[in-house]
PDB file of all heavy atoms in Angstrom:
ATOM      1  N   ARG A   1      42.941 -33.305 117.925  1.00  0.00           N
ATOM      2  CA  ARG A   1      43.802 -34.503 117.732  1.00  0.00           C
ATOM      3  C   ARG A   1      45.251 -34.137 117.847  1.00  0.00           C
ATOM      4  O   ARG A   1      46.031 -34.912 118.398  1.00  0.00           O
ATOM      5  CB  ARG A   1      43.497 -35.117 116.377  1.00  0.00           C
ATOM      6  CG  ARG A   1      42.114 -35.774 116.263  1.00  0.00           C
ATOM      7  CD  ARG A   1      41.940 -36.412 114.885  1.00  0.00           C
ATOM      8  NE  ARG A   1      40.604 -36.989 114.736  1.00  0.00           N
ATOM      9  CZ  ARG A   1      40.122 -37.563 113.659  1.00  0.00           C
ATOM     10  NH1 ARG A   1      40.929 -37.665 112.605  1.00  0.00           N
ATOM     11  NH2 ARG A   1      38.934 -38.048 113.604  1.00  0.00           N
ATOM     12  N   VAL A   2      45.636 -33.005 117.279  1.00  0.00           N
ATOM     13  CA  VAL A   2      47.034 -32.591 117.344  1.00  0.00           C
ATOM     14  C   VAL A   2      47.442 -32.263 118.789  1.00  0.00           C
ATOM     15  O   VAL A   2      48.523 -32.640 119.232  1.00  0.00           O
ATOM     16  CB  VAL A   2      47.294 -31.371 116.420  1.00  0.00           C
ATOM     17  CG1 VAL A   2      48.708 -30.842 116.583  1.00  0.00           C
ATOM     18  CG2 VAL A   2      47.029 -31.779 114.983  1.00  0.00           C
ATOM     19  N   LEU A   3      46.590 -31.586 119.504  1.00  0.00           N
ATOM     20  CA  LEU A   3      46.867 -31.270 120.903  1.00  0.00           C
ATOM     21  C   LEU A   3      47.005 -32.551 121.710  1.00  0.00           C
ATOM     22  O   LEU A   3      47.968 -32.712 122.512  1.00  0.00           O
ATOM     23  CB  LEU A   3      45.805 -30.383 121.525  1.00  0.00           C
ATOM     24  CG  LEU A   3      45.758 -28.917 121.028  1.00  0.00           C
ATOM     25  CD1 LEU A   3      44.490 -28.250 121.507  1.00  0.00           C
ATOM     26  CD2 LEU A   3      46.986 -28.178 121.610  1.00  0.00           C
ATOM     27  N   ALA A   4      46.113 -33.487 121.535  1.00  0.00           N
ATOM     28  CA  ALA A   4      46.164 -34.741 122.258  1.00  0.00           C
ATOM     29  C   ALA A   4      47.456 -35.508 121.918  1.00  0.00           C
ATOM     30  O   ALA A   4      48.120 -36.042 122.820  1.00  0.00           O
ATOM     31  CB  ALA A   4      44.986 -35.640 121.897  1.00  0.00           C
ATOM     32  N   SER A   5      47.835 -35.519 120.665  1.00  0.00           N
ATOM     33  CA  SER A   5      49.046 -36.204 120.233  1.00  0.00           C
ATOM     34  C   SER A   5      50.299 -35.541 120.852  1.00  0.00           C
ATOM     35  O   SER A   5      51.185 -36.235 121.331  1.00  0.00           O
ATOM     36  CB  SER A   5      49.151 -36.150 118.699  1.00  0.00           C
ATOM     37  OG  SER A   5      50.274 -36.890 118.250  1.00  0.00           O
ATOM     38  N   ALA A   6      50.307 -34.192 120.858  1.00  0.00           N
ATOM     39  CA  ALA A   6      51.452 -33.491 121.434  1.00  0.00           C
ATOM     40  C   ALA A   6      51.639 -33.822 122.917  1.00  0.00           C
ATOM     41  O   ALA A   6      52.744 -34.034 123.402  1.00  0.00           O
ATOM     42  CB  ALA A   6      51.293 -31.992 121.244  1.00  0.00           C
ATOM     43  N   PHE A   7      50.530 -33.888 123.660  1.00  0.00           N
ATOM     44  CA  PHE A   7      50.571 -34.236 125.076  1.00  0.00           C
ATOM     45  C   PHE A   7      50.955 -35.709 125.279  1.00  0.00           C
ATOM     46  O   PHE A   7      51.757 -36.050 126.169  1.00  0.00           O
ATOM     47  CB  PHE A   7      49.297 -33.928 125.777  1.00  0.00           C
ATOM     48  CG  PHE A   7      49.051 -32.449 125.985  1.00  0.00           C
ATOM     49  CD1 PHE A   7      47.958 -31.787 125.412  1.00  0.00           C
ATOM     50  CD2 PHE A   7      49.890 -31.731 126.835  1.00  0.00           C
ATOM     51  CE1 PHE A   7      47.779 -30.443 125.608  1.00  0.00           C
ATOM     52  CE2 PHE A   7      49.684 -30.376 127.047  1.00  0.00           C
ATOM     53  CZ  PHE A   7      48.616 -29.723 126.439  1.00  0.00           C
ATOM     54  N   ASN A   8      50.427 -36.583 124.447  1.00  0.00           N
ATOM     55  CA  ASN A   8      50.712 -38.001 124.571  1.00  0.00           C
ATOM     56  C   ASN A   8      52.205 -38.295 124.238  1.00  0.00           C
ATOM     57  O   ASN A   8      52.809 -39.210 124.876  1.00  0.00           O
ATOM     58  CB  ASN A   8      49.787 -38.812 123.674  1.00  0.00           C
ATOM     59  CG  ASN A   8      48.377 -38.880 124.175  1.00  0.00           C
ATOM     60  OD1 ASN A   8      48.137 -38.720 125.346  1.00  0.00           O
ATOM     61  ND2 ASN A   8      47.440 -39.033 123.266  1.00  0.00           N
ATOM     62  N   PHE A   9      52.785 -37.564 123.330  1.00  0.00           N
ATOM     63  CA  PHE A   9      54.201 -37.745 123.026  1.00  0.00           C
ATOM     64  C   PHE A   9      55.092 -36.953 123.923  1.00  0.00           C
ATOM     65  O   PHE A   9      56.326 -37.026 123.811  1.00  0.00           O
ATOM     66  CB  PHE A   9      54.466 -37.308 121.572  1.00  0.00           C
ATOM     67  CG  PHE A   9      54.185 -38.368 120.515  1.00  0.00           C
ATOM     68  CD1 PHE A   9      52.985 -38.347 119.825  1.00  0.00           C
ATOM     69  CD2 PHE A   9      55.092 -39.363 120.252  1.00  0.00           C
ATOM     70  CE1 PHE A   9      52.684 -39.293 118.867  1.00  0.00           C
ATOM     71  CE2 PHE A   9      54.815 -40.354 119.299  1.00  0.00           C
ATOM     72  CZ  PHE A   9      53.628 -40.347 118.601  1.00  0.00           C
ATOM     73  N   ALA A  10      54.489 -36.199 124.856  1.00  0.00           N
ATOM     74  CA  ALA A  10      55.247 -35.446 125.896  1.00  0.00           C
ATOM     75  C   ALA A  10      56.239 -34.451 125.315  1.00  0.00           C
ATOM     76  O   ALA A  10      57.373 -34.357 125.757  1.00  0.00           O
ATOM     77  CB  ALA A  10      55.967 -36.433 126.857  1.00  0.00           C
ATOM     78  N   VAL A  11      55.789 -33.699 124.294  1.00  0.00           N
ATOM     79  CA  VAL A  11      56.673 -32.666 123.719  1.00  0.00           C
ATOM     80  C   VAL A  11      56.307 -31.259 124.155  1.00  0.00           C
ATOM     81  O   VAL A  11      57.056 -30.329 123.813  1.00  0.00           O
ATOM     82  CB  VAL A  11      56.621 -32.769 122.160  1.00  0.00           C
ATOM     83  CG1 VAL A  11      57.091 -34.120 121.671  1.00  0.00           C
ATOM     84  CG2 VAL A  11      55.228 -32.415 121.609  1.00  0.00           C
ATOM     85  N   VAL A  12      55.237 -31.100 124.882  1.00  0.00           N
ATOM     86  CA  VAL A  12      54.776 -29.738 125.262  1.00  0.00           C
ATOM     87  C   VAL A  12      55.525 -29.249 126.522  1.00  0.00           C
ATOM     88  O   VAL A  12      55.626 -29.960 127.489  1.00  0.00           O
ATOM     89  CB  VAL A  12      53.265 -29.726 125.526  1.00  0.00           C
ATOM     90  CG1 VAL A  12      52.820 -28.354 125.937  1.00  0.00           C
ATOM     91  CG2 VAL A  12      52.518 -30.192 124.276  1.00  0.00           C
ATOM     92  N   ASP A  13      56.029 -28.026 126.413  1.00  0.00           N
ATOM     93  CA  ASP A  13      56.699 -27.394 127.542  1.00  0.00           C
ATOM     94  C   ASP A  13      55.806 -26.404 128.328  1.00  0.00           C
ATOM     95  O   ASP A  13      55.969 -26.230 129.497  1.00  0.00           O
ATOM     96  CB  ASP A  13      57.951 -26.618 127.070  1.00  0.00           C
ATOM     97  CG  ASP A  13      58.938 -27.518 126.389  1.00  0.00           C
ATOM     98  OD1 ASP A  13      59.549 -28.368 127.110  1.00  0.00           O
ATOM     99  OD2 ASP A  13      59.181 -27.403 125.188  1.00  0.00           O
ATOM    100  N   LYS A  14      54.869 -25.773 127.629  1.00  0.00           N
ATOM    101  CA  LYS A  14      54.093 -24.664 128.230  1.00  0.00           C
ATOM    102  C   LYS A  14      52.715 -24.610 127.592  1.00  0.00           C
ATOM    103  O   LYS A  14      52.557 -25.009 126.421  1.00  0.00           O
ATOM    104  CB  LYS A  14      54.845 -23.355 127.988  1.00  0.00           C
ATOM    105  CG  LYS A  14      54.316 -22.157 128.722  1.00  0.00           C
ATOM    106  CD  LYS A  14      55.221 -20.919 128.465  1.00  0.00           C
ATOM    107  CE  LYS A  14      54.788 -19.744 129.327  1.00  0.00           C
ATOM    108  NZ  LYS A  14      55.722 -18.595 129.107  1.00  0.00           N
ATOM    109  N   VAL A  15      51.732 -24.219 128.390  1.00  0.00           N
ATOM    110  CA  VAL A  15      50.367 -24.168 127.858  1.00  0.00           C
ATOM    111  C   VAL A  15      49.811 -22.706 127.993  1.00  0.00           C
ATOM    112  O   VAL A  15      50.136 -21.979 128.925  1.00  0.00           O
ATOM    113  CB  VAL A  15      49.386 -25.136 128.559  1.00  0.00           C
ATOM    114  CG1 VAL A  15      49.835 -26.566 128.298  1.00  0.00           C
ATOM    115  CG2 VAL A  15      49.333 -24.852 130.068  1.00  0.00           C
ATOM    116  N   PHE A  16      48.980 -22.393 127.002  1.00  0.00           N
ATOM    117  CA  PHE A  16      48.189 -21.177 127.053  1.00  0.00           C
ATOM    118  C   PHE A  16      46.758 -21.597 126.754  1.00  0.00           C
ATOM    119  O   PHE A  16      46.355 -21.754 125.611  1.00  0.00           O
ATOM    120  CB  PHE A  16      48.660 -20.162 125.975  1.00  0.00           C
ATOM    121  CG  PHE A  16      50.001 -19.540 126.243  1.00  0.00           C
ATOM    122  CD1 PHE A  16      51.147 -20.119 125.697  1.00  0.00           C
ATOM    123  CD2 PHE A  16      50.113 -18.407 127.013  1.00  0.00           C
ATOM    124  CE1 PHE A  16      52.389 -19.580 125.908  1.00  0.00           C
ATOM    125  CE2 PHE A  16      51.382 -17.843 127.230  1.00  0.00           C
ATOM    126  CZ  PHE A  16      52.515 -18.434 126.713  1.00  0.00           C
ATOM    127  N   PHE A  17      45.952 -21.772 127.822  1.00  0.00           N
ATOM    128  CA  PHE A  17      44.593 -22.216 127.682  1.00  0.00           C
ATOM    129  C   PHE A  17      43.619 -21.090 127.980  1.00  0.00           C
ATOM    130  O   PHE A  17      43.587 -20.597 129.094  1.00  0.00           O
ATOM    131  CB  PHE A  17      44.312 -23.416 128.600  1.00  0.00           C
ATOM    132  CG  PHE A  17      44.694 -24.777 128.031  1.00  0.00           C
ATOM    133  CD1 PHE A  17      45.724 -24.836 127.090  1.00  0.00           C
ATOM    134  CD2 PHE A  17      44.074 -25.912 128.415  1.00  0.00           C
ATOM    135  CE1 PHE A  17      46.102 -26.101 126.540  1.00  0.00           C
ATOM    136  CE2 PHE A  17      44.443 -27.129 127.903  1.00  0.00           C
ATOM    137  CZ  PHE A  17      45.466 -27.214 126.957  1.00  0.00           C
ATOM    138  N   PHE A  18      42.909 -20.648 126.942  1.00  0.00           N
ATOM    139  CA  PHE A  18      41.904 -19.584 127.092  1.00  0.00           C
ATOM    140  C   PHE A  18      40.543 -20.208 127.382  1.00  0.00           C
ATOM    141  O   PHE A  18      40.176 -21.230 126.795  1.00  0.00           O
ATOM    142  CB  PHE A  18      41.752 -18.740 125.809  1.00  0.00           C
ATOM    143  CG  PHE A  18      42.951 -17.887 125.542  1.00  0.00           C
ATOM    144  CD1 PHE A  18      43.981 -18.333 124.788  1.00  0.00           C
ATOM    145  CD2 PHE A  18      42.948 -16.559 126.003  1.00  0.00           C
ATOM    146  CE1 PHE A  18      45.088 -17.526 124.510  1.00  0.00           C
ATOM    147  CE2 PHE A  18      44.026 -15.722 125.704  1.00  0.00           C
ATOM    148  CZ  PHE A  18      45.069 -16.216 124.970  1.00  0.00           C
ATOM    149  N   TYR A  19      39.772 -19.582 128.298  1.00  0.00           N
ATOM    150  CA  TYR A  19      38.432 -20.049 128.623  1.00  0.00           C
ATOM    151  C   TYR A  19      37.474 -18.846 128.488  1.00  0.00           C
ATOM    152  O   TYR A  19      37.706 -17.788 129.064  1.00  0.00           O
ATOM    153  CB  TYR A  19      38.326 -20.639 129.996  1.00  0.00           C
ATOM    154  CG  TYR A  19      39.021 -22.000 130.056  1.00  0.00           C
ATOM    155  CD1 TYR A  19      40.330 -22.111 130.482  1.00  0.00           C
ATOM    156  CD2 TYR A  19      38.289 -23.150 129.693  1.00  0.00           C
ATOM    157  CE1 TYR A  19      40.922 -23.361 130.526  1.00  0.00           C
ATOM    158  CE2 TYR A  19      38.935 -24.404 129.742  1.00  0.00           C
ATOM    159  CZ  TYR A  19      40.247 -24.512 130.145  1.00  0.00           C
ATOM    160  OH  TYR A  19      40.829 -25.722 130.170  1.00  0.00           O
ATOM    161  N   ALA A  20      36.437 -19.046 127.675  1.00  0.00           N
ATOM    162  CA  ALA A  20      35.427 -17.982 127.452  1.00  0.00           C
ATOM    163  C   ALA A  20      34.229 -18.275 128.347  1.00  0.00           C
ATOM    164  O   ALA A  20      33.898 -19.442 128.567  1.00  0.00           O
ATOM    165  CB  ALA A  20      35.001 -17.957 126.002  1.00  0.00           C
ATOM    166  N   PRO A  21      33.534 -17.243 128.788  1.00  0.00           N
ATOM    167  CA  PRO A  21      32.372 -17.419 129.641  1.00  0.00           C
ATOM    168  C   PRO A  21      31.133 -17.903 128.839  1.00  0.00           C
ATOM    169  O   PRO A  21      30.126 -17.227 128.712  1.00  0.00           O
ATOM    170  CB  PRO A  21      32.109 -16.051 130.252  1.00  0.00           C
ATOM    171  CG  PRO A  21      32.657 -15.091 129.234  1.00  0.00           C
ATOM    172  CD  PRO A  21      33.820 -15.804 128.586  1.00  0.00           C
ATOM    173  N   LYS A  22      31.271 -19.077 128.249  1.00  0.00           N
ATOM    174  CA  LYS A  22      30.229 -19.664 127.442  1.00  0.00           C
ATOM    175  C   LYS A  22      30.095 -21.164 127.782  1.00  0.00           C
ATOM    176  O   LYS A  22      31.121 -21.801 128.111  1.00  0.00           O
ATOM    177  CB  LYS A  22      30.530 -19.538 125.954  1.00  0.00           C
ATOM    178  CG  LYS A  22      30.752 -18.130 125.431  1.00  0.00           C
ATOM    179  CD  LYS A  22      31.203 -18.125 123.987  1.00  0.00           C
ATOM    180  CE  LYS A  22      31.480 -16.727 123.507  1.00  0.00           C
ATOM    181  NZ  LYS A  22      32.001 -16.714 122.116  1.00  0.00           N
ATOM    182  N   ILE A  23      28.937 -21.667 127.692  1.00  0.00           N
ATOM    183  CA  ILE A  23      28.708 -23.106 127.909  1.00  0.00           C
ATOM    184  C   ILE A  23      28.034 -23.661 126.654  1.00  0.00           C
ATOM    185  O   ILE A  23      26.929 -23.239 126.319  1.00  0.00           O
ATOM    186  CB  ILE A  23      27.855 -23.358 129.167  1.00  0.00           C
ATOM    187  CG1 ILE A  23      28.608 -22.866 130.397  1.00  0.00           C
ATOM    188  CG2 ILE A  23      27.535 -24.856 129.267  1.00  0.00           C
ATOM    189  CD1 ILE A  23      27.802 -22.898 131.660  1.00  0.00           C
ATOM    190  N   LEU A  24      28.718 -24.589 125.998  1.00  0.00           N
ATOM    191  CA  LEU A  24      28.155 -25.126 124.753  1.00  0.00           C
ATOM    192  C   LEU A  24      26.996 -26.087 125.058  1.00  0.00           C
ATOM    193  O   LEU A  24      25.977 -26.097 124.357  1.00  0.00           O
ATOM    194  CB  LEU A  24      29.273 -25.890 124.016  1.00  0.00           C
ATOM    195  CG  LEU A  24      28.975 -26.236 122.505  1.00  0.00           C
ATOM    196  CD1 LEU A  24      28.741 -24.947 121.730  1.00  0.00           C
ATOM    197  CD2 LEU A  24      30.151 -26.989 121.953  1.00  0.00           C
ATOM    198  N   GLY A  25      27.148 -26.872 126.156  1.00  0.00           N
ATOM    199  CA  GLY A  25      26.081 -27.819 126.485  1.00  0.00           C
ATOM    200  C   GLY A  25      26.177 -29.079 125.636  1.00  0.00           C
ATOM    201  O   GLY A  25      26.707 -29.091 124.530  1.00  0.00           O
ATOM    202  N   GLY A  26      25.656 -30.161 126.169  1.00  0.00           N
ATOM    203  CA  GLY A  26      25.702 -31.409 125.409  1.00  0.00           C
ATOM    204  C   GLY A  26      27.088 -32.055 125.449  1.00  0.00           C
ATOM    205  O   GLY A  26      28.013 -31.529 126.039  1.00  0.00           O
ATOM    206  N   ASP A  27      27.240 -33.208 124.814  1.00  0.00           N
ATOM    207  CA  ASP A  27      28.502 -33.907 124.784  1.00  0.00           C
ATOM    208  C   ASP A  27      29.009 -34.128 123.389  1.00  0.00           C
ATOM    209  O   ASP A  27      29.881 -34.990 123.161  1.00  0.00           O
ATOM    210  CB  ASP A  27      28.382 -35.231 125.548  1.00  0.00           C
ATOM    211  CG  ASP A  27      27.362 -36.169 124.902  1.00  0.00           C
ATOM    212  OD1 ASP A  27      26.727 -35.782 123.891  1.00  0.00           O
ATOM    213  OD2 ASP A  27      27.191 -37.291 125.432  1.00  0.00           O
ATOM    214  N   ASP A  28      28.475 -33.391 122.411  1.00  0.00           N
ATOM    215  CA  ASP A  28      28.861 -33.646 121.032  1.00  0.00           C
ATOM    216  C   ASP A  28      29.734 -32.537 120.420  1.00  0.00           C
ATOM    217  O   ASP A  28      30.003 -32.523 119.237  1.00  0.00           O
ATOM    218  CB  ASP A  28      27.628 -33.850 120.209  1.00  0.00           C
ATOM    219  CG  ASP A  28      26.601 -32.693 120.276  1.00  0.00           C
ATOM    220  OD1 ASP A  28      26.853 -31.757 121.093  1.00  0.00           O
ATOM    221  OD2 ASP A  28      25.593 -32.711 119.570  1.00  0.00           O
ATOM    222  N   GLY A  29      30.148 -31.528 121.222  1.00  0.00           N
ATOM    223  CA  GLY A  29      31.056 -30.531 120.717  1.00  0.00           C
ATOM    224  C   GLY A  29      32.484 -31.098 120.624  1.00  0.00           C
ATOM    225  O   GLY A  29      32.737 -32.231 121.084  1.00  0.00           O
ATOM    226  N   VAL A  30      33.396 -30.351 120.062  1.00  0.00           N
ATOM    227  CA  VAL A  30      34.770 -30.822 119.912  1.00  0.00           C
ATOM    228  C   VAL A  30      35.537 -30.523 121.187  1.00  0.00           C
ATOM    229  O   VAL A  30      35.647 -29.367 121.581  1.00  0.00           O
ATOM    230  CB  VAL A  30      35.449 -30.129 118.697  1.00  0.00           C
ATOM    231  CG1 VAL A  30      36.888 -30.651 118.528  1.00  0.00           C
ATOM    232  CG2 VAL A  30      34.644 -30.348 117.431  1.00  0.00           C
ATOM    233  N   PRO A  31      36.130 -31.547 121.829  1.00  0.00           N
ATOM    234  CA  PRO A  31      36.879 -31.309 123.043  1.00  0.00           C
ATOM    235  C   PRO A  31      38.264 -30.745 122.807  1.00  0.00           C
ATOM    236  O   PRO A  31      38.750 -30.726 121.689  1.00  0.00           O
ATOM    237  CB  PRO A  31      36.972 -32.741 123.655  1.00  0.00           C
ATOM    238  CG  PRO A  31      37.012 -33.613 122.471  1.00  0.00           C
ATOM    239  CD  PRO A  31      36.100 -32.975 121.463  1.00  0.00           C
ATOM    240  N   ILE A  32      38.903 -30.298 123.860  1.00  0.00           N
ATOM    241  CA  ILE A  32      40.239 -29.725 123.732  1.00  0.00           C
ATOM    242  C   ILE A  32      41.152 -30.777 123.183  1.00  0.00           C
ATOM    243  O   ILE A  32      41.975 -30.563 122.276  1.00  0.00           O
ATOM    244  CB  ILE A  32      40.750 -29.179 125.073  1.00  0.00           C
ATOM    245  CG1 ILE A  32      39.896 -27.986 125.526  1.00  0.00           C
ATOM    246  CG2 ILE A  32      42.228 -28.809 124.981  1.00  0.00           C
ATOM    247  CD1 ILE A  32      40.236 -27.483 126.922  1.00  0.00           C
ATOM    248  N   CYS A  33      41.118 -32.017 123.782  1.00  0.00           N
ATOM    249  CA  CYS A  33      41.894 -33.118 123.340  1.00  0.00           C
ATOM    250  C   CYS A  33      40.981 -34.278 123.025  1.00  0.00           C
ATOM    251  O   CYS A  33      40.097 -34.599 123.794  1.00  0.00           O
ATOM    252  CB  CYS A  33      42.897 -33.550 124.386  1.00  0.00           C
ATOM    253  SG  CYS A  33      44.167 -32.355 124.760  1.00  0.00           S
ATOM    254  N   SER A  34      41.158 -34.896 121.847  1.00  0.00           N
ATOM    255  CA  SER A  34      40.311 -36.025 121.486  1.00  0.00           C
ATOM    256  C   SER A  34      41.062 -37.340 121.596  1.00  0.00           C
ATOM    257  O   SER A  34      42.283 -37.364 121.596  1.00  0.00           O
ATOM    258  CB  SER A  34      39.821 -35.842 120.054  1.00  0.00           C
ATOM    259  OG  SER A  34      40.900 -35.889 119.146  1.00  0.00           O
ATOM    260  N   GLY A  35      40.312 -38.414 121.748  1.00  0.00           N
ATOM    261  CA  GLY A  35      40.927 -39.737 121.954  1.00  0.00           C
ATOM    262  C   GLY A  35      41.046 -40.107 123.417  1.00  0.00           C
ATOM    263  O   GLY A  35      40.643 -39.343 124.264  1.00  0.00           O
ATOM    264  N   PRO A  36      41.522 -41.273 123.677  1.00  0.00           N
ATOM    265  CA  PRO A  36      41.617 -41.730 125.086  1.00  0.00           C
ATOM    266  C   PRO A  36      42.612 -40.956 125.899  1.00  0.00           C
ATOM    267  O   PRO A  36      43.672 -40.554 125.396  1.00  0.00           O
ATOM    268  CB  PRO A  36      42.093 -43.231 124.913  1.00  0.00           C
ATOM    269  CG  PRO A  36      42.745 -43.255 123.588  1.00  0.00           C
ATOM    270  CD  PRO A  36      42.057 -42.288 122.729  1.00  0.00           C
ATOM    271  N   GLY A  37      42.272 -40.672 127.140  1.00  0.00           N
ATOM    272  CA  GLY A  37      43.116 -39.961 128.049  1.00  0.00           C
ATOM    273  C   GLY A  37      43.518 -40.839 129.204  1.00  0.00           C
ATOM    274  O   GLY A  37      43.444 -42.070 129.118  1.00  0.00           O
ATOM    275  N   ALA A  38      43.917 -40.196 130.304  1.00  0.00           N
ATOM    276  CA  ALA A  38      44.374 -40.930 131.488  1.00  0.00           C
ATOM    277  C   ALA A  38      43.191 -41.688 132.119  1.00  0.00           C
ATOM    278  O   ALA A  38      42.070 -41.225 132.083  1.00  0.00           O
ATOM    279  CB  ALA A  38      44.967 -39.975 132.523  1.00  0.00           C
ATOM    280  N   GLU A  39      43.478 -42.866 132.725  1.00  0.00           N
ATOM    281  CA  GLU A  39      42.422 -43.625 133.350  1.00  0.00           C
ATOM    282  C   GLU A  39      42.194 -43.148 134.781  1.00  0.00           C
ATOM    283  O   GLU A  39      41.076 -43.234 135.347  1.00  0.00           O
ATOM    284  CB  GLU A  39      42.795 -45.117 133.380  1.00  0.00           C
ATOM    285  CG  GLU A  39      42.812 -45.739 132.020  1.00  0.00           C
ATOM    286  CD  GLU A  39      43.092 -47.238 132.084  1.00  0.00           C
ATOM    287  OE1 GLU A  39      43.308 -47.744 133.219  1.00  0.00           O
ATOM    288  OE2 GLU A  39      43.125 -47.899 131.014  1.00  0.00           O
ATOM    289  N   LEU A  40      43.262 -42.627 135.447  1.00  0.00           N
ATOM    290  CA  LEU A  40      43.157 -42.189 136.818  1.00  0.00           C
ATOM    291  C   LEU A  40      43.596 -40.723 136.932  1.00  0.00           C
ATOM    292  O   LEU A  40      44.449 -40.236 136.171  1.00  0.00           O
ATOM    293  CB  LEU A  40      44.027 -43.063 137.716  1.00  0.00           C
ATOM    294  CG  LEU A  40      43.740 -44.551 137.700  1.00  0.00           C
ATOM    295  CD1 LEU A  40      44.802 -45.312 138.469  1.00  0.00           C
ATOM    296  CD2 LEU A  40      42.345 -44.836 138.293  1.00  0.00           C
ATOM    297  N   MET A  41      43.027 -39.984 137.943  1.00  0.00           N
ATOM    298  CA  MET A  41      43.396 -38.609 138.138  1.00  0.00           C
ATOM    299  C   MET A  41      44.856 -38.427 138.439  1.00  0.00           C
ATOM    300  O   MET A  41      45.483 -37.397 138.043  1.00  0.00           O
ATOM    301  CB  MET A  41      42.567 -37.983 139.233  1.00  0.00           C
ATOM    302  CG  MET A  41      41.070 -37.776 138.857  1.00  0.00           C
ATOM    303  SD  MET A  41      40.854 -36.792 137.350  1.00  0.00           S
ATOM    304  CE  MET A  41      41.448 -35.202 137.913  1.00  0.00           C
ATOM    305  N   ASN A  42      45.456 -39.405 139.144  1.00  0.00           N
ATOM    306  CA  ASN A  42      46.887 -39.259 139.486  1.00  0.00           C
ATOM    307  C   ASN A  42      47.791 -39.540 138.281  1.00  0.00           C
ATOM    308  O   ASN A  42      49.019 -39.462 138.381  1.00  0.00           O
ATOM    309  CB  ASN A  42      47.250 -40.143 140.657  1.00  0.00           C
ATOM    310  CG  ASN A  42      47.101 -41.622 140.408  1.00  0.00           C
ATOM    311  OD1 ASN A  42      46.853 -42.030 139.252  1.00  0.00           O
ATOM    312  ND2 ASN A  42      47.183 -42.410 141.444  1.00  0.00           N
ATOM    313  N   GLU A  43      47.195 -39.847 137.122  1.00  0.00           N
ATOM    314  CA  GLU A  43      47.951 -40.044 135.879  1.00  0.00           C
ATOM    315  C   GLU A  43      47.871 -38.791 134.980  1.00  0.00           C
ATOM    316  O   GLU A  43      48.441 -38.818 133.867  1.00  0.00           O
ATOM    317  CB  GLU A  43      47.452 -41.237 135.131  1.00  0.00           C
ATOM    318  CG  GLU A  43      47.640 -42.561 135.876  1.00  0.00           C
ATOM    319  CD  GLU A  43      46.980 -43.746 135.182  1.00  0.00           C
ATOM    320  OE1 GLU A  43      46.201 -43.531 134.206  1.00  0.00           O
ATOM    321  OE2 GLU A  43      47.277 -44.902 135.548  1.00  0.00           O
ATOM    322  N   CYS A  44      47.177 -37.747 135.417  1.00  0.00           N
ATOM    323  CA  CYS A  44      47.011 -36.548 134.640  1.00  0.00           C
ATOM    324  C   CYS A  44      48.377 -35.843 134.431  1.00  0.00           C
ATOM    325  O   CYS A  44      49.295 -35.984 135.258  1.00  0.00           O
ATOM    326  CB  CYS A  44      46.076 -35.579 135.283  1.00  0.00           C
ATOM    327  SG  CYS A  44      44.344 -36.091 135.296  1.00  0.00           S
ATOM    328  N   ILE A  45      48.442 -35.096 133.381  1.00  0.00           N
ATOM    329  CA  ILE A  45      49.670 -34.285 133.081  1.00  0.00           C
ATOM    330  C   ILE A  45      49.594 -33.043 134.022  1.00  0.00           C
ATOM    331  O   ILE A  45      48.642 -32.276 134.013  1.00  0.00           O
ATOM    332  CB  ILE A  45      49.700 -33.828 131.654  1.00  0.00           C
ATOM    333  CG1 ILE A  45      49.760 -35.064 130.739  1.00  0.00           C
ATOM    334  CG2 ILE A  45      50.855 -32.889 131.407  1.00  0.00           C
ATOM    335  CD1 ILE A  45      49.474 -34.745 129.249  1.00  0.00           C
TER     336      ILE A  45
END
């Protein structure tokens, strides 16, 4: 929620995103950003 809020308020200058070679599976894990995001790909950050 905090990450989503920071991006939505446009206060982030730089990102450090780590990815581990693991697959959680399913759709009930906690996402990187929660809540509504962009509707179109050209609206992505």
